[in-house]
């Protein structure tokens, strides 16, 4: 009882209270979306949607050049410096517009190639990539605007944009899936984020003036150089990571079939929903504390406050989820997708390792330890890919979640050794 009181007396839950509304709504809309996909498209549709989401994440990262965290940082630092802010916003704006148009051109011209790579030889969804190419600049500008608003410390508009985005995304996906099935589901993934641009533009115009802050004469190459470290880290986890998952899912489709891949995609959706609580708390509350930590002792206090307060609650929640797994699958999906329940154990084990190791991984961002981050991330992705190939051969679809548990178990051990001075 005293333990619970101690948690709620901290500023942890007070700071994240507003953001929690957005997170909960995102989870609810995500669960409803999963149910709609399961009912109308089944496990095969779930697999195709999973592939498109992985590809879209990679497109997002490469088209924004991984600048998002850097935009937040430099917008915040130059908020009172009009000339400095103008240089930052002008440089980033013109760079992102050029990059998004160039990458959109590549997407459009080679649409049939991307279609085969993402969905297989016999699929006919090339038009989805052409639509993505056309709307990509709007999506990139949406992220640009949100990052600036976030950098200005205007959390309420950011939360409202996220809330409206979740609601809009759900409505668009339901309408398109109902009318166009798989094609509608794929189009909704690429169109909804672009539509958010108009909402972001409305809020962004209240915070700063495009006319006063965007000018070609203020373009400064040194700002791009300063953003490069953020780009490298973002491109590794935001570009290479999703492509590895895409390759793993395509291997499952080749070896076990589209339906089995759909079962794993369903398990991924469940996992991503409850992990939102962890990632949100880390980014909003713990990351700033790690940034401000001046020595190993202060870092150690941040680490162990997370381990003592958040991890026990998270583990208890996962135990509850495991015992309710049959009911969860029945509610979220359909009776035909009940085999998903066989994937819970190793997925949950891996997610415990992941939740524990995430705060250690955030130390890379807090201290801009680019080289160490890139090495550990690439190694973990390599372990995940090759172990999944082997385990699928031996254990079928359960091999995917077993490789997930193995990867994050090793990742946790490696980071514990690397940050041992801050931990022990």
Protein backbone atom coordinates (compact mmCIF):
# COMPACT_ATOMS: atom_id res chain seq x y z
CA UNK A 1 0.00 0.00 0.00
CA UNK A 2 2.83 2.38 0.93
CA UNK A 3 4.56 1.31 -2.28
CA UNK A 4 1.58 2.44 -4.38
CA UNK A 5 1.30 5.74 -2.50
CA UNK A 6 4.98 6.39 -3.08
CA UNK A 7 4.53 5.95 -6.84
CA UNK A 8 1.53 8.25 -7.12
CA UNK A 9 3.15 10.95 -4.98
CA UNK A 10 5.93 11.35 -7.54
CA UNK A 11 5.67 13.73 -10.48
CA UNK A 12 5.84 10.75 -12.84
CA UNK A 13 2.11 10.31 -13.34
CA UNK A 14 1.35 14.02 -13.01
CA UNK A 15 3.68 14.88 -15.88
CA UNK A 16 2.25 12.19 -18.14
CA UNK A 17 -1.42 12.68 -17.25
CA UNK A 18 -2.33 14.70 -20.35
CA UNK A 19 -0.30 12.50 -22.65
CA UNK A 20 -1.96 9.41 -21.14
CA UNK A 21 -5.28 10.47 -22.66
CA UNK A 22 -3.69 10.37 -26.11
CA UNK A 23 -1.99 7.04 -25.40
CA UNK A 24 -5.17 5.38 -24.13
CA UNK A 25 -7.13 6.68 -27.12
CA UNK A 26 -4.42 5.42 -29.47
CA UNK A 27 -4.66 1.98 -27.89
CA UNK A 28 -8.46 1.94 -28.13
CA UNK A 29 -8.47 3.02 -31.78
CA UNK A 30 -5.70 0.51 -32.49
CA UNK A 31 -7.69 -2.32 -30.94
CA UNK A 32 -10.83 -1.37 -32.87
CA UNK A 33 -8.79 -1.20 -36.06
CA UNK A 34 -7.35 -4.67 -35.34
CA UNK A 35 -10.86 -6.03 -34.87
CA UNK A 36 -12.03 -4.50 -38.17
CA UNK A 37 -9.03 -5.97 -40.03
CA UNK A 38 -9.55 -9.40 -38.43
CA UNK A 39 -13.27 -9.48 -39.29
CA UNK A 40 -13.05 -8.16 -42.86
CA UNK A 41 -9.59 -9.28 -43.96
CA UNK A 42 -8.62 -12.19 -41.71
CA UNK A 43 -5.08 -13.33 -40.88
CA UNK A 44 -3.77 -12.95 -44.48
CA UNK A 45 -4.93 -9.32 -44.53
CA UNK A 46 -3.30 -8.76 -41.14
CA UNK A 47 0.03 -9.96 -42.59
CA UNK A 48 -0.18 -7.64 -45.62
CA UNK A 49 -1.08 -4.68 -43.40
CA UNK A 50 1.90 -5.56 -41.17
CA UNK A 51 4.21 -5.51 -44.18
CA UNK A 52 2.89 -2.13 -45.30
CA UNK A 53 3.31 -0.66 -41.83
CA UNK A 54 6.94 -1.82 -41.67
CA UNK A 55 7.66 -0.36 -45.11
CA UNK A 56 5.89 2.89 -44.24
CA UNK A 57 7.97 3.27 -41.06
CA UNK A 58 11.14 2.98 -43.14
CA UNK A 59 9.79 5.51 -45.65
CA UNK A 60 8.96 7.90 -42.80
CA UNK A 61 12.49 7.74 -41.42
CA UNK A 62 14.36 8.13 -44.68
CA UNK A 63 12.08 10.89 -46.03
CA UNK A 64 12.47 12.93 -42.82
CA UNK A 65 16.22 12.10 -42.71
CA UNK A 66 15.80 11.23 -39.04
CA UNK A 67 15.63 14.95 -38.18
CA UNK A 68 12.62 14.83 -35.82
CA UNK A 69 14.43 14.74 -32.46
CA UNK A 70 16.92 17.30 -33.72
CA UNK A 71 14.15 19.67 -34.80
CA UNK A 72 12.63 19.45 -31.32
CA UNK A 73 16.01 20.16 -29.69
CA UNK A 74 17.06 23.10 -31.86
CA UNK A 75 13.57 24.65 -31.95
CA UNK A 76 13.59 24.64 -28.16
CA UNK A 77 17.10 26.11 -27.92
CA UNK A 78 16.44 28.91 -30.44
CA UNK A 79 12.90 29.80 -29.41
CA UNK A 80 14.01 33.22 -28.12
CA UNK A 81 16.65 33.70 -30.83
CA UNK A 82 14.70 34.83 -33.90
CA UNK A 83 17.63 34.72 -36.31
CA UNK A 84 18.81 31.34 -35.04
CA UNK A 85 15.29 29.92 -35.23
CA UNK A 86 14.89 31.22 -38.77
CA UNK A 87 18.10 29.46 -39.83
CA UNK A 88 17.02 26.17 -38.24
CA UNK A 89 13.49 26.18 -39.66
CA UNK A 90 14.53 27.37 -43.13
CA UNK A 91 17.33 24.81 -43.44
CA UNK A 92 15.22 21.91 -42.24
CA UNK A 93 12.17 22.95 -44.28
CA UNK A 94 13.94 23.15 -47.64
CA UNK A 95 15.99 20.03 -46.96
CA UNK A 96 12.91 17.96 -46.06
CA UNK A 97 10.85 19.26 -48.99
CA UNK A 98 13.63 18.36 -51.41
CA UNK A 99 14.20 14.93 -49.80
CA UNK A 100 10.47 14.05 -49.75
CA UNK A 101 9.96 15.05 -53.41
CA UNK A 102 13.07 13.12 -54.48
CA UNK A 103 12.10 10.01 -52.52
CA UNK A 104 8.49 10.34 -53.70
CA UNK A 105 9.75 10.33 -57.27
CA UNK A 106 11.68 7.10 -56.61
CA UNK A 107 8.60 5.53 -55.02
CA UNK A 108 6.38 6.47 -57.95
CA UNK A 109 8.72 5.38 -60.74
CA UNK A 110 9.56 2.03 -59.12
CA UNK A 111 6.09 1.32 -57.69
CA UNK A 112 5.91 -2.14 -59.28
CA UNK A 113 9.28 -3.05 -57.78
CA UNK A 114 8.22 -2.02 -54.26
CA UNK A 115 4.98 -3.94 -54.74
CA UNK A 116 6.89 -7.17 -55.42
CA UNK A 117 9.39 -6.59 -52.62
CA UNK A 118 6.76 -5.82 -49.97
CA UNK A 119 3.82 -8.02 -51.01
CA UNK A 120 5.27 -10.68 -53.30
CA UNK A 121 5.36 -11.51 -57.00
CA UNK A 122 1.63 -12.22 -57.42
CA UNK A 123 0.30 -9.07 -55.72
CA UNK A 124 -1.11 -6.02 -57.48
CA UNK A 125 -0.83 -3.14 -55.02
CA UNK A 126 1.57 -0.91 -56.99
CA UNK A 127 -1.00 1.91 -56.93
CA UNK A 128 -0.58 2.15 -53.14
CA UNK A 129 3.05 3.18 -53.55
CA UNK A 130 2.08 5.76 -56.17
CA UNK A 131 -0.44 7.27 -53.76
CA UNK A 132 2.24 7.27 -51.05
CA UNK A 133 4.62 9.07 -53.41
CA UNK A 134 2.08 11.84 -54.06
CA UNK A 135 1.14 12.45 -50.42
CA UNK A 136 4.65 12.03 -48.96
CA UNK A 137 5.57 15.78 -48.92
CA UNK A 138 2.41 16.53 -46.90
CA UNK A 139 3.27 13.80 -44.42
CA UNK A 140 6.84 15.05 -44.02
CA UNK A 141 5.65 18.64 -43.48
CA UNK A 142 3.20 17.34 -40.88
CA UNK A 143 6.08 15.81 -38.88
CA UNK A 144 8.07 19.02 -39.37
CA UNK A 145 5.27 21.13 -37.88
CA UNK A 146 4.63 18.76 -34.97
CA UNK A 147 8.35 18.71 -34.10
CA UNK A 148 8.47 22.52 -34.02
CA UNK A 149 5.36 22.78 -31.82
CA UNK A 150 6.84 20.12 -29.53
CA UNK A 151 10.14 22.01 -29.41
CA UNK A 152 8.30 25.16 -28.34
CA UNK A 153 6.99 23.20 -25.35
CA UNK A 154 3.36 23.44 -26.52
CA UNK A 155 2.34 19.97 -25.38
CA UNK A 156 -1.43 20.50 -25.54
CA UNK A 157 -1.54 21.16 -29.31
CA UNK A 158 0.68 18.11 -29.91
CA UNK A 159 -1.64 15.95 -27.82
CA UNK A 160 -4.72 17.32 -29.62
CA UNK A 161 -3.10 16.61 -32.99
CA UNK A 162 -2.37 13.03 -31.88
CA UNK A 163 -5.91 12.55 -30.59
CA UNK A 164 -7.48 13.91 -33.78
CA UNK A 165 -5.05 11.81 -35.81
CA UNK A 166 -6.06 8.62 -34.02
CA UNK A 167 -9.77 9.31 -34.51
CA UNK A 168 -9.28 10.32 -38.15
CA UNK A 169 -7.13 7.25 -38.81
CA UNK A 170 -9.75 4.92 -37.37
CA UNK A 171 -12.61 6.47 -39.38
CA UNK A 172 -10.64 6.48 -42.64
CA UNK A 173 -9.50 2.87 -42.18
CA UNK A 174 -13.02 1.62 -41.35
CA UNK A 175 -14.55 3.35 -44.40
CA UNK A 176 -11.82 2.19 -46.78
CA UNK A 177 -11.63 -1.38 -45.45
CA UNK A 178 -15.43 -1.74 -45.59
CA UNK A 179 -15.54 -0.55 -49.21
CA UNK A 180 -12.24 -1.79 -50.67
CA UNK A 181 -11.03 -4.59 -48.35
CA UNK A 182 -7.23 -5.11 -48.40
CA UNK A 183 -6.66 -2.28 -50.88
CA UNK A 184 -8.57 0.08 -48.61
CA UNK A 185 -6.55 -0.98 -45.57
CA UNK A 186 -3.26 -0.33 -47.37
CA UNK A 187 -4.38 3.05 -48.72
CA UNK A 188 -5.57 4.15 -45.26
CA UNK A 189 -2.05 3.55 -43.88
CA UNK A 190 -0.47 5.99 -46.35
CA UNK A 191 -3.24 8.59 -46.64
CA UNK A 192 -4.21 9.28 -43.02
CA UNK A 193 -0.83 10.70 -41.85
CA UNK A 194 -0.80 13.07 -44.83
CA UNK A 195 -4.29 14.36 -43.95
CA UNK A 196 -2.93 15.31 -40.53
CA UNK A 197 -0.86 18.02 -42.22
CA UNK A 198 -3.90 20.30 -42.40
CA UNK A 199 -4.57 19.88 -38.67
CA UNK A 200 -0.90 20.51 -37.85
CA UNK A 201 -0.88 23.55 -40.13
CA UNK A 202 -3.81 25.01 -38.21
CA UNK A 203 -2.06 24.64 -34.83
CA UNK A 204 1.37 25.50 -36.25
CA UNK A 205 0.18 28.80 -37.73
CA UNK A 206 -0.78 29.87 -34.19
CA UNK A 207 2.74 29.26 -32.88
CA UNK A 208 4.94 30.71 -35.65
CA UNK A 209 4.77 32.46 -39.02
CA UNK A 210 5.94 30.68 -42.16
CA UNK A 211 6.50 34.02 -43.87
CA UNK A 212 8.78 35.30 -41.12
CA UNK A 213 10.68 32.08 -40.40
CA UNK A 214 11.11 30.36 -43.77
CA UNK A 215 13.57 31.93 -46.20
CA UNK A 216 16.00 30.43 -48.70
CA UNK A 217 18.62 33.05 -47.78
CA UNK A 218 18.69 31.67 -44.21
CA UNK A 219 19.69 28.19 -45.34
CA UNK A 220 22.73 27.02 -43.31
CA UNK A 221 24.64 23.78 -44.03
CA UNK A 222 26.16 23.74 -40.52
CA UNK A 223 22.70 22.99 -39.10
CA UNK A 224 22.46 19.84 -41.24
CA UNK A 225 25.85 18.80 -39.85
CA UNK A 226 24.58 19.28 -36.29
CA UNK A 227 21.54 17.12 -37.08
CA UNK A 228 23.62 14.30 -38.59
CA UNK A 229 24.09 12.34 -35.34
CA UNK A 230 20.31 12.22 -34.86
CA UNK A 231 19.95 11.09 -38.47
CA UNK A 232 22.38 8.21 -38.07
CA UNK A 233 20.64 6.83 -34.98
CA UNK A 234 17.16 7.31 -36.43
CA UNK A 235 18.08 5.71 -39.75
CA UNK A 236 19.37 2.60 -37.95
CA UNK A 237 16.36 1.95 -35.75
CA UNK A 238 13.71 3.62 -37.92
CA UNK A 239 14.84 2.47 -41.36
CA UNK A 240 16.90 -0.71 -41.06
CA UNK A 241 14.81 -2.09 -38.19
CA UNK A 242 11.45 -2.15 -40.03
CA UNK A 243 13.12 -3.60 -43.13
CA UNK A 244 14.47 -6.47 -41.02
CA UNK A 245 10.95 -7.14 -39.69
CA UNK A 246 9.64 -6.98 -43.25
CA UNK A 247 12.23 -9.56 -44.33
CA UNK A 248 11.34 -11.80 -41.37
CA UNK A 249 7.61 -11.64 -42.18
CA UNK A 250 8.25 -12.39 -45.85
CA UNK A 251 10.30 -15.43 -44.81
CA UNK A 252 7.36 -16.62 -42.70
CA UNK A 253 5.02 -16.09 -45.67
CA UNK A 254 7.33 -18.12 -47.92
CA UNK A 255 7.88 -20.95 -45.41
CA UNK A 256 4.58 -21.14 -43.50
CA UNK A 257 2.05 -19.14 -45.52
CA UNK A 258 0.23 -15.82 -45.31
CA UNK A 259 -2.14 -16.95 -42.57
CA UNK A 260 0.67 -17.88 -40.14
CA UNK A 261 2.37 -14.54 -40.83
CA UNK A 262 -0.95 -12.89 -40.00
CA UNK A 263 -1.02 -14.60 -36.59
CA UNK A 264 2.39 -13.11 -35.78
CA UNK A 265 1.25 -9.67 -37.03
CA UNK A 266 -1.74 -9.89 -34.69
CA UNK A 267 0.58 -10.69 -31.77
CA UNK A 268 2.75 -7.72 -32.75
CA UNK A 269 -0.24 -5.38 -32.66
CA UNK A 270 -1.17 -6.53 -29.15
CA UNK A 271 2.43 -6.11 -27.99
CA UNK A 272 2.84 -2.64 -29.51
CA UNK A 273 -0.30 -1.46 -27.72
CA UNK A 274 0.75 -2.31 -24.17
CA UNK A 275 4.37 -1.23 -24.84
CA UNK A 276 3.04 2.26 -25.60
CA UNK A 277 2.77 2.88 -21.86
CA UNK A 278 6.46 2.08 -21.40
CA UNK A 279 7.76 4.04 -24.39
CA UNK A 280 5.63 7.07 -23.51
CA UNK A 281 6.85 7.18 -19.91
CA UNK A 282 10.43 6.79 -21.08
CA UNK A 283 10.30 9.57 -23.66
CA UNK A 284 8.26 12.04 -21.61
CA UNK A 285 9.62 11.47 -18.09
CA UNK A 286 12.83 9.41 -17.94
CA UNK A 287 14.70 10.63 -21.04
CA UNK A 288 14.87 14.27 -19.85
CA UNK A 289 16.17 13.01 -16.48
CA UNK A 290 18.88 10.96 -18.18
CA UNK A 291 19.86 14.01 -20.24
CA UNK A 292 20.26 16.08 -17.07
CA UNK A 293 22.12 13.37 -15.10
CA UNK A 294 25.68 14.64 -14.58
CA UNK A 295 27.42 11.50 -13.34
CA UNK A 296 27.02 7.74 -12.85
CA UNK A 297 25.35 8.15 -9.46
CA UNK A 298 22.60 10.37 -10.82
CA UNK A 299 22.13 8.06 -13.80
CA UNK A 300 21.93 5.10 -11.44
CA UNK A 301 19.11 6.77 -9.49
CA UNK A 302 17.14 7.30 -12.71
CA UNK A 303 17.67 3.70 -13.81
CA UNK A 304 16.62 2.19 -10.50
CA UNK A 305 13.61 4.47 -10.03
CA UNK A 306 12.36 3.01 -13.33
CA UNK A 307 13.16 -0.57 -12.29
CA UNK A 308 11.47 -0.19 -8.89
CA UNK A 309 8.32 1.67 -9.93
CA UNK A 310 7.47 0.86 -13.56
CA UNK A 311 8.82 -2.65 -14.19
CA UNK A 312 6.91 -4.40 -11.33
CA UNK A 313 3.61 -2.92 -12.56
CA UNK A 314 4.46 -3.82 -16.16
CA UNK A 315 5.37 -7.43 -15.28
CA UNK A 316 2.17 -7.82 -13.24
CA UNK A 317 0.18 -6.54 -16.21
CA UNK A 318 1.83 -9.03 -18.57
CA UNK A 319 1.12 -11.92 -16.21
CA UNK A 320 -2.52 -10.86 -16.23
CA UNK A 321 -2.48 -10.64 -20.03
CA UNK A 322 -1.02 -14.16 -20.28
CA UNK A 323 -3.80 -15.73 -18.22
CA UNK A 324 -6.43 -13.76 -20.15
CA UNK A 325 -4.86 -14.45 -23.56
CA UNK A 326 -7.72 -16.59 -24.92
CA UNK A 327 -10.28 -13.96 -23.98
CA UNK A 328 -8.09 -11.18 -25.40
CA UNK A 329 -7.74 -12.92 -28.79
CA UNK A 330 -11.46 -13.64 -28.88
CA UNK A 331 -12.36 -10.00 -28.14
CA UNK A 332 -9.76 -8.33 -30.35
CA UNK A 333 -9.89 -10.65 -33.35
CA UNK A 334 -12.00 -13.65 -34.39
CA UNK A 335 -12.35 -17.31 -33.45
CA UNK A 336 -10.32 -18.26 -36.54
CA UNK A 337 -7.34 -16.36 -35.12
CA UNK A 338 -7.24 -18.28 -31.84
CA UNK A 339 -3.78 -19.77 -32.74
CA UNK A 340 -2.40 -16.32 -31.83
CA UNK A 341 -2.80 -17.38 -28.17
CA UNK A 342 0.08 -19.85 -28.66
CA UNK A 343 2.47 -16.96 -29.28
CA UNK A 344 1.88 -15.08 -26.02
CA UNK A 345 4.39 -16.77 -23.70
CA UNK A 346 7.63 -16.05 -25.58
CA UNK A 347 6.36 -12.67 -26.80
CA UNK A 348 5.68 -11.59 -23.21
CA UNK A 349 9.04 -12.92 -22.01
CA UNK A 350 10.77 -10.94 -24.76
CA UNK A 351 8.76 -7.83 -23.93
CA UNK A 352 9.84 -8.01 -20.28
CA UNK A 353 13.49 -8.10 -21.41
CA UNK A 354 12.72 -5.28 -23.86
CA UNK A 355 11.05 -3.09 -21.22
CA UNK A 356 13.99 -3.52 -18.83
CA UNK A 357 16.59 -2.82 -21.51
CA UNK A 358 14.79 0.15 -23.10
CA UNK A 359 15.86 2.63 -20.43
CA UNK A 360 19.47 1.52 -20.89
CA UNK A 361 19.07 2.05 -24.63
CA UNK A 362 17.67 5.55 -24.03
CA UNK A 363 21.00 6.44 -22.43
CA UNK A 364 22.50 6.30 -25.93
CA UNK A 365 20.14 9.11 -26.99
CA UNK A 366 20.53 11.06 -23.76
CA UNK A 367 24.33 11.24 -24.15
CA UNK A 368 24.43 11.10 -27.99
CA UNK A 369 26.49 7.88 -27.93
CA UNK A 370 26.04 7.33 -31.65
CA UNK A 371 28.74 4.72 -32.32
CA UNK A 372 27.78 2.45 -29.41
CA UNK A 373 24.10 2.70 -30.33
CA UNK A 374 24.67 1.81 -33.99
CA UNK A 375 26.85 -1.21 -33.13
CA UNK A 376 24.46 -2.66 -30.53
CA UNK A 377 21.38 -2.00 -32.66
CA UNK A 378 22.80 -3.61 -35.80
CA UNK A 379 24.05 -6.61 -33.81
CA UNK A 380 20.65 -7.10 -32.15
CA UNK A 381 18.86 -6.87 -35.51
CA UNK A 382 21.28 -9.43 -36.96
CA UNK A 383 20.59 -11.81 -34.05
CA UNK A 384 16.84 -11.31 -34.47
CA UNK A 385 16.94 -11.99 -38.21
CA UNK A 386 19.18 -15.08 -38.24
CA UNK A 387 17.69 -16.64 -35.11
CA UNK A 388 14.17 -16.19 -36.54
CA UNK A 389 15.20 -17.91 -39.79
CA UNK A 390 16.55 -20.87 -37.81
CA UNK A 391 13.77 -21.05 -35.22
CA UNK A 392 11.01 -20.90 -37.85
CA UNK A 393 12.55 -23.99 -39.47
CA UNK A 394 12.58 -25.84 -36.14
CA UNK A 395 9.61 -24.48 -34.17
CA UNK A 396 7.37 -23.09 -36.97
CA UNK A 397 5.58 -19.79 -36.18
CA UNK A 398 6.45 -19.96 -32.46
CA UNK A 399 10.07 -19.63 -33.53
CA UNK A 400 9.46 -15.93 -34.33
CA UNK A 401 8.51 -15.02 -30.75
CA UNK A 402 11.26 -17.27 -29.39
CA UNK A 403 13.83 -15.32 -31.43
CA UNK A 404 12.26 -12.10 -30.08
CA UNK A 405 12.85 -13.30 -26.50
CA UNK A 406 16.38 -14.48 -27.27
CA UNK A 407 17.33 -11.19 -28.97
CA UNK A 408 16.17 -8.95 -26.15
CA UNK A 409 17.62 -11.29 -23.53
CA UNK A 410 21.05 -10.93 -25.15
CA UNK A 411 20.49 -7.20 -25.69
CA UNK A 412 19.73 -6.73 -21.98
CA UNK A 413 22.87 -8.63 -20.93
CA UNK A 414 25.09 -6.63 -23.31
CA UNK A 415 23.71 -3.25 -22.18
CA UNK A 416 23.93 -4.26 -18.52
CA UNK A 417 27.62 -4.96 -19.01
CA UNK A 418 28.19 -1.78 -21.04
CA UNK A 419 26.45 0.45 -18.45
CA UNK A 420 27.59 -1.55 -15.42
CA UNK A 421 29.14 1.54 -13.77
CA UNK A 422 25.81 3.36 -13.94
CA UNK A 423 23.86 0.30 -12.81
CA UNK A 424 25.91 -1.22 -10.03
